[in-house]
Amino acid sequence: MNADLGRLLGEVGAVLLDFDGPVCSIFAGYPAPQVAAELVNVLRQHGVDVPPDLAREADPLEVLHRTGAAGDHRVTRAVEDALCAAERRAVETAEPTPYGREVIVAARQAGVPVAAVSNNSAGAVTAYLAAHRLAGHVSPVVGRAYARPDRMKPNPEPILQAVRALGVPPGRCVLIGDSLSDIEGARAAGVAVVGYANRPAKVDAFRLAGAGVVVTSMGEIAGVLIDRAGG
């Protein structure tokens, strides 16, 4: 067992989970590059002159972020609406992350509340949790602020929103995430963070970014929480 992980999870009062990565791969059946291309088409339909690098962007969240940064709220809302619809479609074919479900269930069995804090839309996250019989285990669900991509992680606000809803001090919460934005957002919010390195290249990057603990499988987290629940 990872001793640092055991110490961290043995003391926390709440678990905050990023969604795409620790819980599932949301775009497994509806690829992210396809969604990004559809959002670029929305931009063009609204008369936006799309630069070549944005036209090639494979991350739909980055398309939304850059749209928001351009400052046209009408266009931002159009891209947001298209992305929300795409995410709702994507969760129907999302691929569950191995041991993601076990982490959620074990945490609740250990008496530790679980919240979701995602840069995806809350509607998509809620739909996935309901379809996989997990809705009763995860509350609150804090998703992307509507048409305000500047408030997505690494902005700490969605993390702090979940912390406030749980009523647990930030210092007794841990965020489990698979991106640098999760780690940076958690540190800014005063929340402990476990980096889920689902690709080898992420391990060193997460450590350099200040992740307290880095794991390569959600099974490591599930194991510690199962032990805590049984103890």
Protein backbone atom coordinates (compact mmCIF):
# COMPACT_ATOMS: atom_id res chain seq x y z
CA MET A 1 0.00 0.00 0.00
CA ASN A 2 1.09 3.57 -0.68
CA ALA A 3 1.74 4.79 2.87
CA ASP A 4 1.27 8.46 1.96
CA LEU A 5 -2.07 7.64 0.35
CA GLY A 6 -3.14 5.67 3.40
CA ARG A 7 -2.32 8.55 5.74
CA LEU A 8 -4.07 11.09 3.53
CA LEU A 9 -7.28 9.13 3.02
CA GLY A 10 -7.34 7.97 6.61
CA GLU A 11 -7.84 11.54 7.80
CA VAL A 12 -10.04 13.22 5.19
CA GLY A 13 -13.60 14.25 5.89
CA ALA A 14 -14.76 14.40 2.27
CA VAL A 15 -13.71 13.21 -1.18
CA LEU A 16 -14.07 15.47 -4.22
CA LEU A 17 -13.91 13.64 -7.54
CA ASP A 18 -13.15 15.05 -10.92
CA PHE A 19 -15.47 13.34 -13.41
CA ASP A 20 -13.77 12.77 -16.76
CA GLY A 21 -10.87 10.53 -15.78
CA PRO A 22 -11.43 9.33 -12.22
CA VAL A 23 -15.06 8.29 -12.80
CA CYS A 24 -15.25 7.61 -16.51
CA SER A 25 -13.91 8.48 -19.93
CA ILE A 26 -16.76 10.69 -21.06
CA PHE A 27 -15.78 10.85 -24.72
CA ALA A 28 -14.87 7.17 -25.16
CA GLY A 29 -17.69 6.55 -27.64
CA TYR A 30 -18.07 10.09 -28.98
CA PRO A 31 -14.50 11.26 -29.47
CA ALA A 32 -13.44 14.61 -28.08
CA PRO A 33 -11.83 15.73 -31.38
CA GLN A 34 -15.18 15.18 -33.11
CA VAL A 35 -16.96 17.26 -30.48
CA ALA A 36 -14.32 19.98 -30.77
CA ALA A 37 -14.76 20.09 -34.55
CA GLU A 38 -18.52 20.45 -34.10
CA LEU A 39 -17.98 23.38 -31.74
CA VAL A 40 -15.67 25.01 -34.29
CA ASN A 41 -18.48 24.67 -36.82
CA VAL A 42 -20.76 26.49 -34.37
CA LEU A 43 -18.25 29.32 -34.31
CA ARG A 44 -18.21 29.49 -38.08
CA GLN A 45 -22.01 29.48 -38.21
CA HIS A 46 -21.92 32.55 -36.00
CA GLY A 47 -19.55 34.35 -38.33
CA VAL A 48 -16.39 33.84 -36.31
CA ASP A 49 -13.15 33.85 -38.26
CA VAL A 50 -11.57 30.73 -36.75
CA PRO A 51 -7.76 30.75 -36.64
CA PRO A 52 -5.99 27.59 -37.91
CA ASP A 53 -4.76 26.48 -34.49
CA LEU A 54 -8.27 26.67 -33.04
CA ALA A 55 -9.65 24.82 -36.07
CA ARG A 56 -7.28 21.96 -35.21
CA GLU A 57 -8.04 21.98 -31.46
CA ALA A 58 -8.93 18.48 -30.22
CA ASP A 59 -10.19 19.45 -26.75
CA PRO A 60 -13.78 20.76 -26.72
CA LEU A 61 -13.24 22.45 -23.35
CA GLU A 62 -10.37 24.42 -24.83
CA VAL A 63 -12.59 25.52 -27.72
CA LEU A 64 -15.10 26.79 -25.16
CA HIS A 65 -12.37 28.46 -23.11
CA ARG A 66 -10.95 30.32 -26.09
CA THR A 67 -14.43 31.31 -27.22
CA GLY A 68 -15.13 32.80 -23.80
CA ALA A 69 -11.83 34.65 -23.80
CA ALA A 70 -12.82 36.36 -27.07
CA GLY A 71 -15.59 38.13 -25.14
CA ASP A 72 -18.66 37.64 -27.37
CA HIS A 73 -21.23 36.33 -24.87
CA ARG A 74 -23.75 35.43 -27.57
CA VAL A 75 -21.24 33.15 -29.28
CA THR A 76 -20.03 31.76 -25.96
CA ARG A 77 -23.58 30.77 -25.05
CA ALA A 78 -24.04 29.07 -28.42
CA VAL A 79 -20.86 27.03 -27.96
CA GLU A 80 -21.81 26.25 -24.35
CA ASP A 81 -25.23 24.98 -25.44
CA ALA A 82 -23.70 22.80 -28.15
CA LEU A 83 -21.14 21.39 -25.73
CA CYS A 84 -23.77 20.64 -23.07
CA ALA A 85 -25.80 18.73 -25.67
CA ALA A 86 -22.73 16.85 -26.85
CA GLU A 87 -21.78 15.90 -23.29
CA ARG A 88 -25.27 14.58 -22.59
CA ARG A 89 -24.94 12.44 -25.71
CA ALA A 90 -21.39 11.39 -24.79
CA VAL A 91 -22.28 10.03 -21.34
CA GLU A 92 -24.51 7.44 -23.01
CA THR A 93 -21.36 5.75 -24.35
CA ALA A 94 -18.90 6.84 -21.66
CA GLU A 95 -16.52 4.14 -20.47
CA PRO A 96 -16.39 3.64 -16.68
CA THR A 97 -12.93 4.01 -15.19
CA PRO A 98 -11.73 0.79 -13.54
CA TYR A 99 -12.36 1.05 -9.78
CA GLY A 100 -14.02 4.46 -10.11
CA ARG A 101 -17.29 3.02 -8.88
CA GLU A 102 -15.56 1.18 -6.04
CA VAL A 103 -13.97 4.42 -4.83
CA ILE A 104 -17.36 6.10 -4.60
CA VAL A 105 -19.08 3.19 -2.89
CA ALA A 106 -16.23 2.51 -0.46
CA ALA A 107 -16.03 6.16 0.55
CA ARG A 108 -19.71 6.22 1.38
CA GLN A 109 -19.43 2.94 3.27
CA ALA A 110 -16.64 4.55 5.29
CA GLY A 111 -18.93 7.45 6.11
CA VAL A 112 -17.02 9.88 3.88
CA PRO A 113 -19.22 12.09 1.67
CA VAL A 114 -18.37 12.26 -2.03
CA ALA A 115 -18.87 15.26 -4.31
CA ALA A 116 -18.19 15.64 -8.03
CA VAL A 117 -16.36 18.74 -9.24
CA SER A 118 -16.09 18.79 -13.00
CA ASN A 119 -15.33 21.04 -15.94
CA ASN A 120 -18.04 19.10 -17.75
CA SER A 121 -21.65 20.19 -17.41
CA ALA A 122 -23.49 19.20 -14.26
CA GLY A 123 -26.31 17.79 -16.37
CA ALA A 124 -23.97 15.33 -18.07
CA VAL A 125 -22.37 14.27 -14.78
CA THR A 126 -25.76 13.80 -13.13
CA ALA A 127 -27.05 11.79 -16.09
CA TYR A 128 -24.05 9.45 -15.95
CA LEU A 129 -24.35 8.93 -12.20
CA ALA A 130 -28.06 8.16 -12.53
CA ALA A 131 -27.50 5.70 -15.37
CA HIS A 132 -24.85 3.87 -13.34
CA ARG A 133 -26.83 3.84 -10.08
CA LEU A 134 -24.44 6.19 -8.34
CA ALA A 135 -26.59 9.29 -7.99
CA GLY A 136 -27.43 8.50 -4.38
CA HIS A 137 -23.74 8.29 -3.49
CA VAL A 138 -22.51 11.60 -4.92
CA SER A 139 -23.71 15.02 -3.75
CA PRO A 140 -23.26 17.78 -4.60
CA VAL A 141 -22.44 17.71 -8.30
CA VAL A 142 -20.66 20.93 -9.23
CA GLY A 143 -20.26 21.29 -12.97
CA ARG A 144 -19.07 23.96 -15.33
CA ALA A 145 -20.57 27.39 -14.74
CA TYR A 146 -22.85 28.14 -17.68
CA ALA A 147 -21.06 30.12 -20.40
CA ARG A 148 -18.35 31.14 -17.92
CA PRO A 149 -15.34 29.05 -18.95
CA ASP A 150 -13.11 31.39 -16.93
CA ARG A 151 -14.60 29.76 -13.83
CA MET A 152 -13.55 26.24 -14.78
CA LYS A 153 -10.72 24.59 -12.88
CA PRO A 154 -7.92 25.60 -12.26
CA ASN A 155 -10.12 28.40 -10.91
CA PRO A 156 -10.67 27.20 -7.32
CA GLU A 157 -14.28 28.46 -7.17
CA PRO A 158 -16.04 25.19 -8.21
CA ILE A 159 -13.94 23.28 -5.69
CA LEU A 160 -14.77 25.75 -2.93
CA GLN A 161 -18.44 25.61 -3.94
CA ALA A 162 -18.42 21.86 -3.31
CA VAL A 163 -16.55 22.31 -0.03
CA ARG A 164 -19.10 24.84 1.19
CA ALA A 165 -21.99 22.57 0.24
CA LEU A 166 -20.43 19.67 2.14
CA GLY A 167 -19.76 21.77 5.23
CA VAL A 168 -16.30 20.26 5.62
CA PRO A 169 -13.23 22.51 6.07
CA PRO A 170 -11.05 22.66 2.93
CA GLY A 171 -8.11 21.23 4.85
CA ARG A 172 -10.08 18.04 5.52
CA CYS A 173 -11.06 17.51 1.87
CA VAL A 174 -9.17 15.76 -0.90
CA LEU A 175 -9.67 16.22 -4.62
CA ILE A 176 -8.89 13.28 -6.89
CA GLY A 177 -8.16 14.47 -10.40
CA ASP A 178 -6.31 13.52 -13.56
CA SER A 179 -5.22 16.92 -14.88
CA LEU A 180 -2.91 19.76 -13.96
CA SER A 181 -5.97 22.02 -13.68
CA ASP A 182 -7.26 19.76 -10.90
CA ILE A 183 -4.00 19.95 -9.01
CA GLU A 184 -3.63 23.71 -9.44
CA GLY A 185 -7.26 24.33 -8.50
CA ALA A 186 -7.05 22.15 -5.40
CA ARG A 187 -3.90 23.85 -4.19
CA ALA A 188 -5.48 27.26 -4.70
CA ALA A 189 -8.54 26.12 -2.73
CA GLY A 190 -6.47 24.76 0.16
CA VAL A 191 -7.64 21.22 -0.55
CA ALA A 192 -5.37 18.16 -0.56
CA VAL A 193 -5.01 16.49 -3.93
CA VAL A 194 -4.37 13.01 -5.27
CA GLY A 195 -3.20 12.98 -8.88
CA TYR A 196 -4.61 10.08 -10.87
CA ALA A 197 -1.96 9.56 -13.55
CA ASN A 198 -3.84 7.53 -16.13
CA ARG A 199 -0.94 8.03 -18.53
CA PRO A 200 2.74 7.49 -17.59
CA ALA A 201 3.77 10.98 -18.69
CA LYS A 202 1.51 12.49 -16.05
CA VAL A 203 3.34 11.01 -13.06
CA ASP A 204 6.29 13.41 -12.97
CA ALA A 205 4.18 16.35 -14.15
CA PHE A 206 1.75 15.86 -11.26
CA ARG A 207 4.55 15.61 -8.72
CA LEU A 208 6.17 18.77 -10.05
CA ALA A 209 2.80 20.54 -9.86
CA GLY A 210 2.52 19.72 -6.17
CA ALA A 211 0.19 16.73 -5.98
CA GLY A 212 0.44 15.33 -2.47
CA VAL A 213 0.12 11.77 -3.74
CA VAL A 214 0.17 10.33 -7.26
CA VAL A 215 -1.48 7.01 -8.17
CA THR A 216 -1.68 5.17 -11.47
CA SER A 217 -4.87 3.25 -10.70
CA MET A 218 -8.09 4.20 -8.96
CA GLY A 219 -7.78 0.73 -7.45
CA GLU A 220 -5.13 2.06 -5.06
CA ILE A 221 -7.61 4.61 -3.72
CA ALA A 222 -10.43 2.06 -3.56
CA GLY A 223 -8.25 -0.32 -1.56
CA VAL A 224 -7.48 2.28 1.10
CA LEU A 225 -11.12 3.33 1.40
CA ILE A 226 -12.31 -0.28 1.59
CA ASP A 227 -9.89 -0.84 4.45
CA ARG A 228 -11.15 2.30 6.17
CA ALA A 229 -14.76 1.18 5.73
CA GLY A 230 -13.95 -2.23 7.18
CA GLY A 231 -12.05 -0.80 10.10
